[in-house]
Amino acid sequence: MASLKASTTSVGAVKLDTFRVTRKSSLGLRAPVHVAARKGSPLRSVRCEAGLDVEKKTAALEALEQFKISADRYMKERICIGVIGLSVHTAPVEMREKLAIPEAQWPHAIAELCNLNHIEEAAVLSTCNRMEVYFVALSWHRGIQEIMDWMAKTSGIPVSDLRQHLFILRESDATQHLFTVSSGLDSLVLGEGQILAQVKQVVKTGQLNSGLGKTMDRLFKDAITAGKRVRTETNISSGAVSVSSAAAELALMKLPEESRQSSVNFLLVGAGKMGRLVVKHLASKGVTRIVVVNRSIEKVDALREEMKDIEIIYRPLSEMLDAAAEADVVFTSTASEAPLFVKENVEVLPPVSETLGGTRLFIDISVPRNVGTCVSGVKHARVYNVDDLKEVVEANKEDRLRKAQEAEEIINEEVNRFNAWKDSLETVPTIKKLRSYADRIRASELDRCFQKIGDEALTKKVKKAVETLSTSIVNRLLHGPLQHLRCEGDDEKSLAETLENMHALNRMFDLDTEKAIIEQKIKAKVDKSGNKS
């Protein structure tokens, strides 16, 4: 995918985390906009003293009044879905590892992103090949800038350097990208299945931690549906290799042709999902013995139970260097954030047999990397990482490219279905406001009617009958308009008509629902900021 640079242009200089916001016009005039309280302090007037209820109420009214000004500004940018990130196609592993977020930290990252002033919902997809942030933004430019600042802060990489490798996609393009990712079409290994499991984990993590909003939850669930359909209806994953199997293939390719797999000493550090696949692929290629280093023996025992055709020898993590000294090929696949192998401990390892080329191979499929870059400088060591798997992948790509064309049709269908669902949500506020508008009129007219009838004639029976009659009239009058605002979202023509009806009703009854939604969302952000104090 081509790398797209983020635009940092925005309308005015805006900081919602300070109480006083400066809005600059094209003429250079500045107007103060009291939008939100400073982070860590309650929402109140700067001049307000404790205990002065009158001033507090006045400040609250002023703040609410300013919401209208803010809403007018945000109305120019429709609330939208987006993705910002980098992948194996746009950034080297040296950068990806600095941005990588372990699965256990996803909920914390989502919480931090949702606390940004212009981000309403967020989800994080971080794997060895990509780090992507999906989001719903109140303001596109401001939201993008906040996420880039957050990425720079968490990774220690300046925004100016990040921009060169980031891609940024909006609305249907963002949806299409996630569905393509979930289907394995954007993977280094075309059609690989592990990415679908990782997308599922995003949903699972969100459900366990209440981290995904309504839109993100539906987006990722629909992406899972797309991924499943592509795999079952196109067979794209048949014969496909994974990152782990590509790593095993790379190791076998780099060994001298005359050497036999049975004479090579293999070591695997890390018995997780990717490590398991390494063992499975080596066994399918005739390897009969491998040493596995892991923190605990339970996962190694599970490997032994699953794979009877290969001898699996367990060594604890404390014996990792001793095991490496006996190995010709070392695979690393752990979640360690610090390198396990560095130049100092690799230099002292005994040399590998000359029949195997005299060079010890390190195949590192972890992000962050488990083998330090300095190891590449050791004379009798050769280091490969996930970015070096491309030569293996290319050999298996041609057949799956044909299947990818079929997959794109399925992805387009699922994207259209999701977009229709999202668009259909726009009618809900109009339905609520129209109902509320009618009920206010009904209540007002009832009150006038009851006053004319007088207390003496207004018995409980009469009052109830009049109320029931007024409710029935309102319901029957609203039935037609409300029916034309309801749409299942599958039929594009029907959806377009529904949205036209919605805009017509908004104009006729001056409902102004879009502005009301923006005001509500801004107020929710301010209240959330105030509650932190």
Protein backbone atom coordinates (compact mmCIF):
# COMPACT_ATOMS: atom_id res chain seq x y z
CA MET A 1 0.00 0.00 0.00
CA ALA A 2 1.27 3.47 -0.81
CA SER A 3 2.21 5.56 2.20
CA LEU A 4 -0.03 8.57 2.70
CA LYS A 5 1.22 11.56 4.64
CA ALA A 6 -1.03 13.10 7.23
CA SER A 7 -2.17 16.64 6.76
CA THR A 8 -1.68 18.75 9.86
CA THR A 9 -3.72 21.70 8.62
CA SER A 10 -6.62 22.53 10.92
CA VAL A 11 -9.14 25.34 11.28
CA GLY A 12 -7.70 27.45 14.05
CA ALA A 13 -5.49 26.54 16.97
CA VAL A 14 -7.55 24.40 19.31
CA LYS A 15 -6.80 22.82 22.68
CA LEU A 16 -9.81 21.41 24.46
CA ASP A 17 -7.72 20.41 27.49
CA THR A 18 -7.46 24.07 28.52
CA PHE A 19 -10.38 26.09 29.78
CA ARG A 20 -9.81 28.96 27.38
CA VAL A 21 -9.73 28.04 23.70
CA THR A 22 -8.48 30.51 21.13
CA ARG A 23 -10.21 30.41 17.78
CA LYS A 24 -8.40 32.30 15.05
CA SER A 25 -10.24 33.54 12.00
CA SER A 26 -8.77 34.00 8.56
CA LEU A 27 -8.52 37.72 9.36
CA GLY A 28 -6.31 37.06 12.35
CA LEU A 29 -8.96 37.98 14.93
CA ARG A 30 -9.07 35.87 18.05
CA ALA A 31 -12.20 34.98 19.96
CA PRO A 32 -12.08 33.21 23.33
CA VAL A 33 -14.18 30.07 23.53
CA HIS A 34 -14.71 28.53 26.95
CA VAL A 35 -15.06 24.88 26.03
CA ALA A 36 -13.46 22.61 28.61
CA ALA A 37 -11.69 22.64 31.92
CA ARG A 38 -7.96 22.06 32.17
CA LYS A 39 -7.14 18.39 32.66
CA GLY A 40 -7.05 17.56 36.34
CA SER A 41 -9.32 20.45 37.40
CA PRO A 42 -13.12 20.59 37.70
CA LEU A 43 -15.28 22.32 35.06
CA ARG A 44 -15.80 25.79 36.50
CA SER A 45 -15.09 29.49 35.91
CA VAL A 46 -11.48 30.50 36.48
CA ARG A 47 -12.77 33.32 38.74
CA CYS A 48 -15.03 31.01 40.71
CA GLU A 49 -14.36 30.69 44.43
CA ALA A 50 -15.32 27.61 46.46
CA GLY A 51 -18.80 27.81 47.86
CA LEU A 52 -20.06 30.57 45.57
CA ASP A 53 -22.99 28.70 44.00
CA VAL A 54 -24.22 31.69 42.01
CA GLU A 55 -20.89 32.10 40.20
CA LYS A 56 -20.70 28.34 39.59
CA LYS A 57 -24.13 28.35 37.96
CA THR A 58 -23.20 31.39 35.88
CA ALA A 59 -19.98 29.70 34.71
CA ALA A 60 -21.88 26.53 33.82
CA LEU A 61 -24.39 28.53 31.77
CA GLU A 62 -21.58 30.39 30.02
CA ALA A 63 -19.87 27.10 29.18
CA LEU A 64 -23.08 25.60 27.82
CA GLU A 65 -23.66 28.70 25.74
CA GLN A 66 -20.19 28.36 24.25
CA PHE A 67 -21.01 24.79 23.18
CA LYS A 68 -23.16 26.32 20.44
CA ILE A 69 -20.16 28.21 19.08
CA SER A 70 -18.04 25.04 19.25
CA ALA A 71 -20.76 22.99 17.59
CA ASP A 72 -20.95 25.41 14.68
CA ARG A 73 -17.24 24.92 14.10
CA TYR A 74 -17.39 21.13 14.33
CA MET A 75 -20.43 20.98 12.06
CA LYS A 76 -18.03 21.71 9.19
CA GLU A 77 -16.39 18.32 9.81
CA ARG A 78 -18.72 15.35 10.02
CA ILE A 79 -17.93 12.79 12.72
CA CYS A 80 -16.00 10.07 10.93
CA ILE A 81 -14.28 6.72 11.13
CA GLY A 82 -10.56 6.57 10.39
CA VAL A 83 -7.38 4.53 10.74
CA ILE A 84 -3.83 5.72 11.21
CA GLY A 85 -0.92 3.34 11.41
CA LEU A 86 2.02 1.65 9.80
CA SER A 87 2.76 -1.86 8.60
CA VAL A 88 5.42 -4.08 7.11
CA HIS A 89 4.60 -2.40 3.78
CA THR A 90 5.33 1.14 4.99
CA ALA A 91 7.80 0.95 7.88
CA PRO A 92 10.88 -1.09 8.85
CA VAL A 93 10.86 -3.36 11.90
CA GLU A 94 13.11 -0.87 13.73
CA MET A 95 10.20 1.57 13.79
CA ARG A 96 7.38 -0.95 14.22
CA GLU A 97 8.91 -2.43 17.35
CA LYS A 98 8.97 0.98 19.05
CA LEU A 99 5.25 1.40 18.40
CA ALA A 100 4.27 -2.20 19.21
CA ILE A 101 1.76 -2.53 22.06
CA PRO A 102 1.56 -5.89 23.88
CA GLU A 103 -1.93 -7.39 23.97
CA ALA A 104 -2.13 -6.98 27.75
CA GLN A 105 -1.74 -3.20 27.29
CA TRP A 106 -4.44 -2.78 24.62
CA PRO A 107 -7.14 -1.74 27.12
CA HIS A 108 -4.85 0.92 28.61
CA ALA A 109 -3.97 2.22 25.13
CA ILE A 110 -7.66 2.37 24.16
CA ALA A 111 -8.46 4.27 27.37
CA GLU A 112 -5.70 6.80 26.66
CA LEU A 113 -6.89 7.30 23.09
CA CYS A 114 -10.51 7.78 24.14
CA ASN A 115 -9.37 10.41 26.64
CA LEU A 116 -8.01 12.51 23.79
CA ASN A 117 -10.26 15.53 23.26
CA HIS A 118 -11.46 14.75 19.75
CA ILE A 119 -11.51 10.95 19.84
CA GLU A 120 -14.83 9.36 20.71
CA GLU A 121 -14.03 5.65 20.15
CA ALA A 122 -10.79 3.77 19.51
CA ALA A 123 -9.35 0.30 18.93
CA VAL A 124 -5.75 -0.89 18.61
CA LEU A 125 -4.48 -3.67 16.33
CA SER A 126 -0.82 -4.37 17.09
CA THR A 127 0.98 -7.39 15.60
CA CYS A 128 4.48 -8.22 14.40
CA ASN A 129 3.60 -6.76 10.98
CA ARG A 130 1.48 -3.73 11.85
CA MET A 131 0.41 -1.20 14.47
CA GLU A 132 -2.88 0.48 13.59
CA VAL A 133 -5.25 2.74 15.52
CA TYR A 134 -8.90 2.71 14.41
CA PHE A 135 -11.05 5.54 15.73
CA VAL A 136 -14.21 7.62 15.58
CA ALA A 137 -13.28 11.32 15.63
CA LEU A 138 -15.32 14.41 16.46
CA SER A 139 -12.93 16.37 14.24
CA TRP A 140 -10.82 14.72 11.55
CA HIS A 141 -7.76 17.00 11.52
CA ARG A 142 -7.67 17.53 15.28
CA GLY A 143 -8.21 13.84 15.97
CA ILE A 144 -5.39 12.83 13.58
CA GLN A 145 -3.02 15.31 15.18
CA GLU A 146 -3.84 14.07 18.69
CA ILE A 147 -3.27 10.42 17.72
CA MET A 148 0.03 11.23 16.00
CA ASP A 149 1.15 13.12 19.13
CA TRP A 150 0.10 10.13 21.24
CA MET A 151 2.05 7.72 18.99
CA ALA A 152 5.10 9.96 19.17
CA LYS A 153 4.86 10.14 22.95
CA THR A 154 4.46 6.37 23.48
CA SER A 155 7.18 5.41 20.99
CA GLY A 156 9.69 8.20 21.46
CA ILE A 157 9.71 8.79 17.68
CA PRO A 158 9.23 12.44 16.58
CA VAL A 159 6.04 13.15 14.64
CA SER A 160 8.13 14.39 11.71
CA ASP A 161 9.75 10.95 11.42
CA LEU A 162 6.49 9.07 11.94
CA ARG A 163 4.75 10.94 9.09
CA GLN A 164 7.09 9.44 6.52
CA HIS A 165 5.82 5.92 7.30
CA LEU A 166 2.21 6.40 8.42
CA PHE A 167 -0.82 5.74 6.28
CA ILE A 168 -4.10 7.50 7.05
CA LEU A 169 -7.46 6.36 5.70
CA ARG A 170 -10.96 7.74 6.21
CA GLU A 171 -14.52 6.38 6.16
CA SER A 172 -15.03 3.68 3.48
CA ASP A 173 -11.29 3.49 2.79
CA ALA A 174 -10.63 2.81 6.49
CA THR A 175 -13.38 0.18 6.60
CA GLN A 176 -12.09 -1.48 3.43
CA HIS A 177 -8.58 -1.56 4.85
CA LEU A 178 -9.61 -3.36 8.04
CA PHE A 179 -11.71 -5.89 6.12
CA THR A 180 -8.75 -6.47 3.78
CA VAL A 181 -6.44 -6.93 6.76
CA SER A 182 -8.84 -9.36 8.44
CA SER A 183 -9.05 -11.36 5.20
CA GLY A 184 -5.27 -11.75 5.07
CA LEU A 185 -4.92 -9.75 1.84
CA ASP A 186 -2.72 -7.06 3.40
CA SER A 187 -0.46 -9.53 5.22
CA LEU A 188 3.16 -10.12 4.35
CA VAL A 189 2.07 -13.71 3.78
CA LEU A 190 -1.00 -13.37 1.55
CA GLY A 191 -3.96 -15.32 2.94
CA GLU A 192 -2.38 -16.19 6.30
CA GLY A 193 -4.90 -17.00 9.00
CA GLN A 194 -3.28 -15.67 12.16
CA ILE A 195 -4.37 -12.08 11.52
CA LEU A 196 -8.05 -13.09 11.72
CA ALA A 197 -7.44 -14.49 15.19
CA GLN A 198 -5.74 -11.22 16.15
CA VAL A 199 -8.71 -9.17 14.91
CA LYS A 200 -10.99 -11.43 16.97
CA GLN A 201 -8.78 -10.75 19.99
CA VAL A 202 -9.37 -7.00 19.60
CA VAL A 203 -13.12 -7.62 19.99
CA LYS A 204 -12.61 -10.02 22.90
CA THR A 205 -10.32 -7.59 24.70
CA GLY A 206 -12.82 -4.78 24.17
CA GLN A 207 -15.71 -6.86 25.53
CA LEU A 208 -13.77 -7.89 28.64
CA ASN A 209 -12.67 -4.32 29.38
CA SER A 210 -15.64 -2.30 28.03
CA GLY A 211 -13.19 -0.60 25.73
CA LEU A 212 -14.91 -0.64 22.33
CA GLY A 213 -17.71 1.75 21.48
CA LYS A 214 -20.76 0.87 19.39
CA THR A 215 -19.21 1.77 16.04
CA MET A 216 -15.82 0.13 16.65
CA ASP A 217 -17.46 -3.02 17.99
CA ARG A 218 -19.63 -3.36 14.88
CA LEU A 219 -16.71 -2.47 12.57
CA PHE A 220 -14.46 -5.21 13.96
CA LYS A 221 -17.23 -7.81 14.12
CA ASP A 222 -18.08 -7.14 10.48
CA ALA A 223 -14.36 -7.39 9.66
CA ILE A 224 -14.35 -10.85 11.25
CA THR A 225 -17.36 -11.81 9.11
CA ALA A 226 -15.53 -10.61 5.99
CA GLY A 227 -12.41 -12.55 6.95
CA LYS A 228 -14.37 -15.75 7.49
CA ARG A 229 -16.26 -15.41 4.22
CA VAL A 230 -13.07 -14.82 2.24
CA ARG A 231 -11.44 -17.92 3.68
CA THR A 232 -14.43 -20.20 3.18
CA GLU A 233 -15.60 -18.92 -0.21
CA THR A 234 -12.26 -18.42 -1.97
CA ASN A 235 -9.95 -21.00 -0.37
CA ILE A 236 -7.26 -18.31 -0.30
CA SER A 237 -5.66 -19.82 2.79
CA SER A 238 -5.21 -23.27 1.27
CA GLY A 239 -1.50 -23.82 0.90
CA ALA A 240 -0.80 -20.41 2.37
CA VAL A 241 2.15 -19.97 4.69
CA SER A 242 2.14 -18.06 7.95
CA VAL A 243 4.89 -15.84 9.32
CA SER A 244 6.00 -18.79 11.44
CA SER A 245 6.09 -21.28 8.58
CA ALA A 246 7.83 -18.73 6.37
CA ALA A 247 10.46 -18.37 9.10
CA ALA A 248 10.97 -22.15 9.14
CA GLU A 249 11.21 -22.19 5.33
CA LEU A 250 13.77 -19.37 5.42
CA ALA A 251 15.95 -21.30 7.87
CA LEU A 252 15.86 -24.41 5.68
CA MET A 253 16.66 -22.31 2.59
CA LYS A 254 19.74 -20.80 4.27
CA LEU A 255 21.16 -24.14 5.37
CA PRO A 256 23.62 -25.83 2.95
CA GLU A 257 21.86 -28.14 0.50
CA GLU A 258 24.02 -31.10 1.42
CA SER A 259 23.05 -30.88 5.09
CA ARG A 260 20.16 -32.98 6.30
CA GLN A 261 17.47 -31.59 8.61
CA SER A 262 18.01 -34.49 10.99
CA SER A 263 21.64 -33.41 11.57
CA VAL A 264 20.78 -29.77 12.35
CA ASN A 265 20.24 -28.71 15.95
CA PHE A 266 17.15 -26.46 16.15
CA LEU A 267 16.30 -24.24 19.12
CA LEU A 268 13.04 -22.37 19.68
CA VAL A 269 12.79 -19.67 22.36
CA GLY A 270 9.13 -19.08 23.21
CA ALA A 271 6.34 -21.67 23.04
CA GLY A 272 3.44 -19.33 22.24
CA LYS A 273 1.16 -19.39 19.19
CA MET A 274 3.83 -18.41 16.68
CA GLY A 275 6.41 -20.72 18.22
CA ARG A 276 3.96 -23.60 18.03
CA LEU A 277 3.52 -23.00 14.29
CA VAL A 278 7.31 -23.01 13.81
CA VAL A 279 7.53 -26.46 15.40
CA LYS A 280 4.55 -27.70 13.38
CA HIS A 281 6.08 -26.60 10.07
CA LEU A 282 9.54 -27.98 10.89
CA ALA A 283 7.94 -31.34 11.73
CA SER A 284 6.12 -31.34 8.38
CA LYS A 285 9.50 -30.84 6.66
CA GLY A 286 11.04 -33.88 8.30
CA VAL A 287 12.71 -32.33 11.35
CA THR A 288 12.65 -34.95 14.13
CA ARG A 289 14.10 -33.06 17.10
CA ILE A 290 13.94 -29.53 18.55
CA VAL A 291 14.83 -27.91 21.86
CA VAL A 292 12.27 -25.46 23.24
CA VAL A 293 13.17 -22.84 25.83
CA ASN A 294 10.21 -21.41 27.73
CA ARG A 295 9.43 -19.86 31.10
CA SER A 296 7.25 -22.80 32.09
CA ILE A 297 6.92 -26.40 30.96
CA GLU A 298 3.10 -26.42 30.55
CA LYS A 299 3.07 -25.04 27.00
CA VAL A 300 5.88 -27.36 25.98
CA ASP A 301 3.93 -30.34 27.31
CA ALA A 302 0.96 -29.17 25.23
CA LEU A 303 3.21 -29.13 22.14
CA ARG A 304 4.34 -32.68 22.89
CA GLU A 305 0.75 -33.84 23.14
CA GLU A 306 -0.16 -32.22 19.83
CA MET A 307 2.92 -33.24 17.82
CA LYS A 308 3.95 -36.84 18.27
CA ASP A 309 6.24 -37.00 15.22
CA ILE A 310 8.92 -34.69 16.60
CA GLU A 311 10.98 -34.97 19.78
CA ILE A 312 10.56 -31.81 21.86
CA ILE A 313 13.11 -31.21 24.61
CA TYR A 314 12.30 -28.61 27.28
CA ARG A 315 14.88 -26.23 28.73
CA PRO A 316 14.01 -23.44 31.23
CA LEU A 317 14.68 -19.81 30.37
CA SER A 318 17.67 -19.77 32.73
CA GLU A 319 19.43 -22.27 30.41
CA MET A 320 18.75 -20.32 27.21
CA LEU A 321 22.40 -19.45 26.48
CA ASP A 322 23.53 -23.03 27.16
CA ALA A 323 20.87 -24.28 24.74
CA ALA A 324 21.95 -21.68 22.14
CA ALA A 325 25.53 -22.89 22.42
CA GLU A 326 24.37 -26.33 21.24
CA ALA A 327 22.08 -24.99 18.45
CA ASP A 328 22.77 -24.36 14.79
CA VAL A 329 19.50 -22.52 14.14
CA VAL A 330 17.81 -20.36 16.80
CA PHE A 331 14.19 -19.21 16.40
CA THR A 332 12.93 -16.50 18.78
CA SER A 333 9.27 -15.75 19.36
CA THR A 334 8.58 -14.16 22.74
CA ALA A 335 6.80 -11.05 24.00
CA SER A 336 9.93 -9.74 25.68
CA GLU A 337 10.36 -5.99 25.20
CA ALA A 338 14.14 -6.25 25.71
CA PRO A 339 16.54 -8.27 23.50
CA LEU A 340 17.26 -11.80 24.72
CA PHE A 341 20.42 -12.13 22.64
CA VAL A 342 23.01 -9.35 22.44
CA LYS A 343 26.49 -9.17 20.95
CA GLU A 344 28.29 -9.94 24.22
CA ASN A 345 26.62 -13.32 24.82
CA VAL A 346 26.54 -14.40 21.15
CA GLU A 347 30.27 -13.72 20.67
CA VAL A 348 31.19 -16.33 23.30
CA LEU A 349 29.03 -19.10 21.80
CA PRO A 350 31.06 -21.95 20.28
CA PRO A 351 31.23 -22.01 16.46
CA VAL A 352 28.80 -24.02 14.37
CA SER A 353 30.06 -27.01 12.38
CA GLU A 354 31.69 -26.13 9.05
CA THR A 355 29.45 -28.68 7.34
CA LEU A 356 26.59 -26.28 8.14
CA GLY A 357 28.46 -23.27 6.83
CA GLY A 358 30.08 -22.32 10.14
CA THR A 359 27.40 -19.67 10.77
CA ARG A 360 24.71 -19.81 13.46
CA LEU A 361 21.33 -18.63 12.15
CA PHE A 362 19.05 -16.45 14.29
CA ILE A 363 15.49 -16.26 12.91
CA ASP A 364 13.72 -13.58 14.95
CA ILE A 365 9.96 -13.32 14.34
CA SER A 366 9.22 -11.18 17.40
CA VAL A 367 8.23 -7.52 17.43
CA PRO A 368 9.85 -5.96 19.43
CA ARG A 369 12.84 -8.02 18.31
CA ASN A 370 14.37 -10.62 20.63
CA VAL A 371 17.77 -10.49 18.91
CA GLY A 372 19.63 -7.19 19.21
CA THR A 373 20.77 -5.45 16.04
CA CYS A 374 24.33 -5.61 17.36
CA VAL A 375 24.33 -9.41 16.89
CA SER A 376 24.54 -8.82 13.13
CA GLY A 377 28.11 -7.68 13.71
CA VAL A 378 29.19 -11.04 15.14
CA LYS A 379 31.36 -12.87 12.59
CA HIS A 380 29.83 -16.34 12.85
CA ALA A 381 26.19 -15.25 13.30
CA ARG A 382 23.54 -14.32 10.75
CA VAL A 383 20.35 -12.58 11.89
CA TYR A 384 17.00 -12.54 10.05
CA ASN A 385 13.81 -10.78 11.17
CA VAL A 386 10.22 -10.62 9.87
CA ASP A 387 11.20 -8.15 7.15
CA ASP A 388 13.53 -10.79 5.67
CA LEU A 389 10.71 -13.25 5.00
CA LYS A 390 9.68 -11.64 1.71
CA GLU A 391 11.84 -13.90 -0.46
CA VAL A 392 10.01 -16.94 0.94
CA VAL A 393 6.62 -15.33 0.56
CA GLU A 394 7.10 -14.34 -3.10
CA ALA A 395 7.51 -17.98 -4.12
CA ASN A 396 4.02 -18.81 -2.81
CA LYS A 397 2.20 -15.69 -3.90
CA GLU A 398 1.09 -16.07 -7.53
CA ASP A 399 -1.75 -18.57 -7.03
CA ARG A 400 -3.21 -16.68 -4.06
CA LEU A 401 -3.19 -13.40 -6.01
CA ARG A 402 -5.81 -14.88 -8.33
CA LYS A 403 -7.90 -15.85 -5.33
CA ALA A 404 -7.42 -12.35 -3.88
CA GLN A 405 -9.39 -10.88 -6.79
CA GLU A 406 -12.36 -13.05 -5.82
CA ALA A 407 -11.89 -12.01 -2.20
CA GLU A 408 -12.13 -8.32 -3.08
CA GLU A 409 -15.71 -8.79 -4.30
CA ILE A 410 -16.68 -10.29 -0.95
CA ILE A 411 -14.90 -7.49 0.92
CA ASN A 412 -16.75 -4.85 -1.12
CA GLU A 413 -20.09 -6.50 -0.24
CA GLU A 414 -19.25 -6.44 3.48
CA VAL A 415 -18.00 -2.84 3.32
CA ASN A 416 -21.26 -1.75 1.67
CA ARG A 417 -23.25 -3.58 4.34
CA PHE A 418 -21.32 -1.89 7.16
CA ASN A 419 -21.61 1.56 5.54
CA ALA A 420 -25.36 1.06 5.15
CA TRP A 421 -25.66 0.14 8.84
CA LYS A 422 -23.64 3.21 9.84
CA ASP A 423 -25.69 5.54 7.63
CA SER A 424 -28.95 4.12 8.97
CA LEU A 425 -27.92 5.23 12.48
CA GLU A 426 -28.23 8.85 11.36
CA THR A 427 -32.02 8.63 11.46
CA VAL A 428 -32.20 7.63 15.13
CA PRO A 429 -31.64 11.17 16.55
CA THR A 430 -34.24 12.56 14.13
CA ILE A 431 -36.79 9.97 15.27
CA LYS A 432 -36.13 10.87 18.91
CA LYS A 433 -36.26 14.63 18.33
CA LEU A 434 -39.42 14.43 16.23
CA ARG A 435 -41.11 12.35 18.92
CA SER A 436 -39.93 14.77 21.61
CA TYR A 437 -41.12 17.76 19.55
CA ALA A 438 -44.59 16.24 19.14
CA ASP A 439 -44.81 15.31 22.84
CA ARG A 440 -43.94 18.87 23.89
CA ILE A 441 -46.75 20.24 21.72
CA ARG A 442 -49.15 17.60 23.05
CA ALA A 443 -48.26 18.43 26.68
CA SER A 444 -48.62 22.18 26.07
CA GLU A 445 -52.02 21.83 24.37
CA LEU A 446 -53.23 19.42 27.06
CA ASP A 447 -52.38 21.93 29.74
CA ARG A 448 -54.36 24.65 27.94
CA CYS A 449 -57.26 22.27 27.42
CA PHE A 450 -57.38 21.27 31.11
CA GLN A 451 -57.38 24.92 32.16
CA LYS A 452 -60.39 25.63 29.91
CA ILE A 453 -62.31 22.62 31.23
CA GLY A 454 -61.76 23.72 34.81
CA ASP A 455 -61.16 21.71 37.96
CA GLU A 456 -64.85 20.97 38.63
CA ALA A 457 -65.51 19.31 35.29
CA LEU A 458 -62.06 17.71 35.01
CA THR A 459 -62.66 14.37 36.67
CA LYS A 460 -59.99 11.66 36.63
CA LYS A 461 -62.00 9.78 34.01
CA VAL A 462 -62.23 12.80 31.72
CA LYS A 463 -58.54 13.67 32.19
CA LYS A 464 -57.45 10.14 31.33
CA ALA A 465 -59.71 10.03 28.25
CA VAL A 466 -58.36 13.34 26.92
CA GLU A 467 -54.73 12.25 27.54
CA THR A 468 -55.35 8.94 25.77
CA LEU A 469 -57.01 10.73 22.84
CA SER A 470 -54.12 13.20 22.47
CA THR A 471 -51.54 10.39 22.59
CA SER A 472 -53.45 8.42 19.98
CA ILE A 473 -53.67 11.41 17.64
CA VAL A 474 -49.94 12.13 17.95
CA ASN A 475 -49.02 8.47 17.38
CA ARG A 476 -51.18 8.21 14.28
CA LEU A 477 -49.84 11.46 12.86
CA LEU A 478 -46.23 10.37 13.48
CA HIS A 479 -46.69 6.83 12.20
CA GLY A 480 -46.16 7.72 8.54
CA PRO A 481 -43.09 9.97 8.96
CA LEU A 482 -41.45 7.56 11.41
CA GLN A 483 -42.02 4.60 9.10
CA HIS A 484 -40.16 6.50 6.38
CA LEU A 485 -37.24 7.03 8.77
CA ARG A 486 -36.79 3.34 9.52
CA CYS A 487 -34.55 1.30 7.24
CA GLU A 488 -32.83 -2.06 7.62
CA GLY A 489 -29.83 -0.67 5.79
CA ASP A 490 -29.31 -3.48 3.26
CA ASP A 491 -31.01 -1.81 0.30
CA GLU A 492 -28.96 1.15 -0.95
CA LYS A 493 -31.91 2.75 -2.76
CA SER A 494 -34.12 2.43 0.31
CA LEU A 495 -31.37 3.87 2.51
CA ALA A 496 -30.90 6.87 0.21
CA GLU A 497 -34.64 7.60 0.33
CA THR A 498 -34.64 7.27 4.13
CA LEU A 499 -31.80 9.79 4.47
CA GLU A 500 -33.61 12.19 2.11
CA ASN A 501 -36.73 11.89 4.30
CA MET A 502 -34.63 12.54 7.39
CA HIS A 503 -33.13 15.75 5.97
CA ALA A 504 -36.60 16.90 4.84
CA LEU A 505 -38.09 16.40 8.32
CA ASN A 506 -35.12 18.15 9.92
CA ARG A 507 -35.75 21.17 7.69
CA MET A 508 -39.56 21.18 8.11
CA PHE A 509 -39.53 20.97 11.89
CA ASP A 510 -36.21 22.77 12.45
CA LEU A 511 -34.94 19.81 14.47
CA ASP A 512 -31.23 20.57 13.90
CA THR A 513 -30.28 17.06 15.03
CA GLU A 514 -26.71 17.08 13.73
CA LYS A 515 -25.83 20.14 15.76
CA ALA A 516 -27.59 18.70 18.81
CA ILE A 517 -25.51 15.52 18.53
CA ILE A 518 -22.28 17.50 18.29
CA GLU A 519 -23.23 19.60 21.33
CA GLN A 520 -24.04 16.43 23.27
CA LYS A 521 -20.71 14.82 22.38
CA ILE A 522 -18.70 17.95 23.25
CA LYS A 523 -20.50 18.23 26.57
CA ALA A 524 -19.78 14.56 27.31
CA LYS A 525 -16.07 15.20 26.71
CA VAL A 526 -16.11 18.22 29.01
CA ASP A 527 -18.01 16.35 31.73
CA LYS A 528 -15.56 13.45 31.47
CA SER A 529 -12.63 15.84 31.84
CA GLY A 530 -14.29 17.50 34.83
CA ASN A 531 -15.02 14.19 36.56
CA LYS A 532 -11.33 13.28 36.55
CA SER A 533 -10.60 16.06 38.98
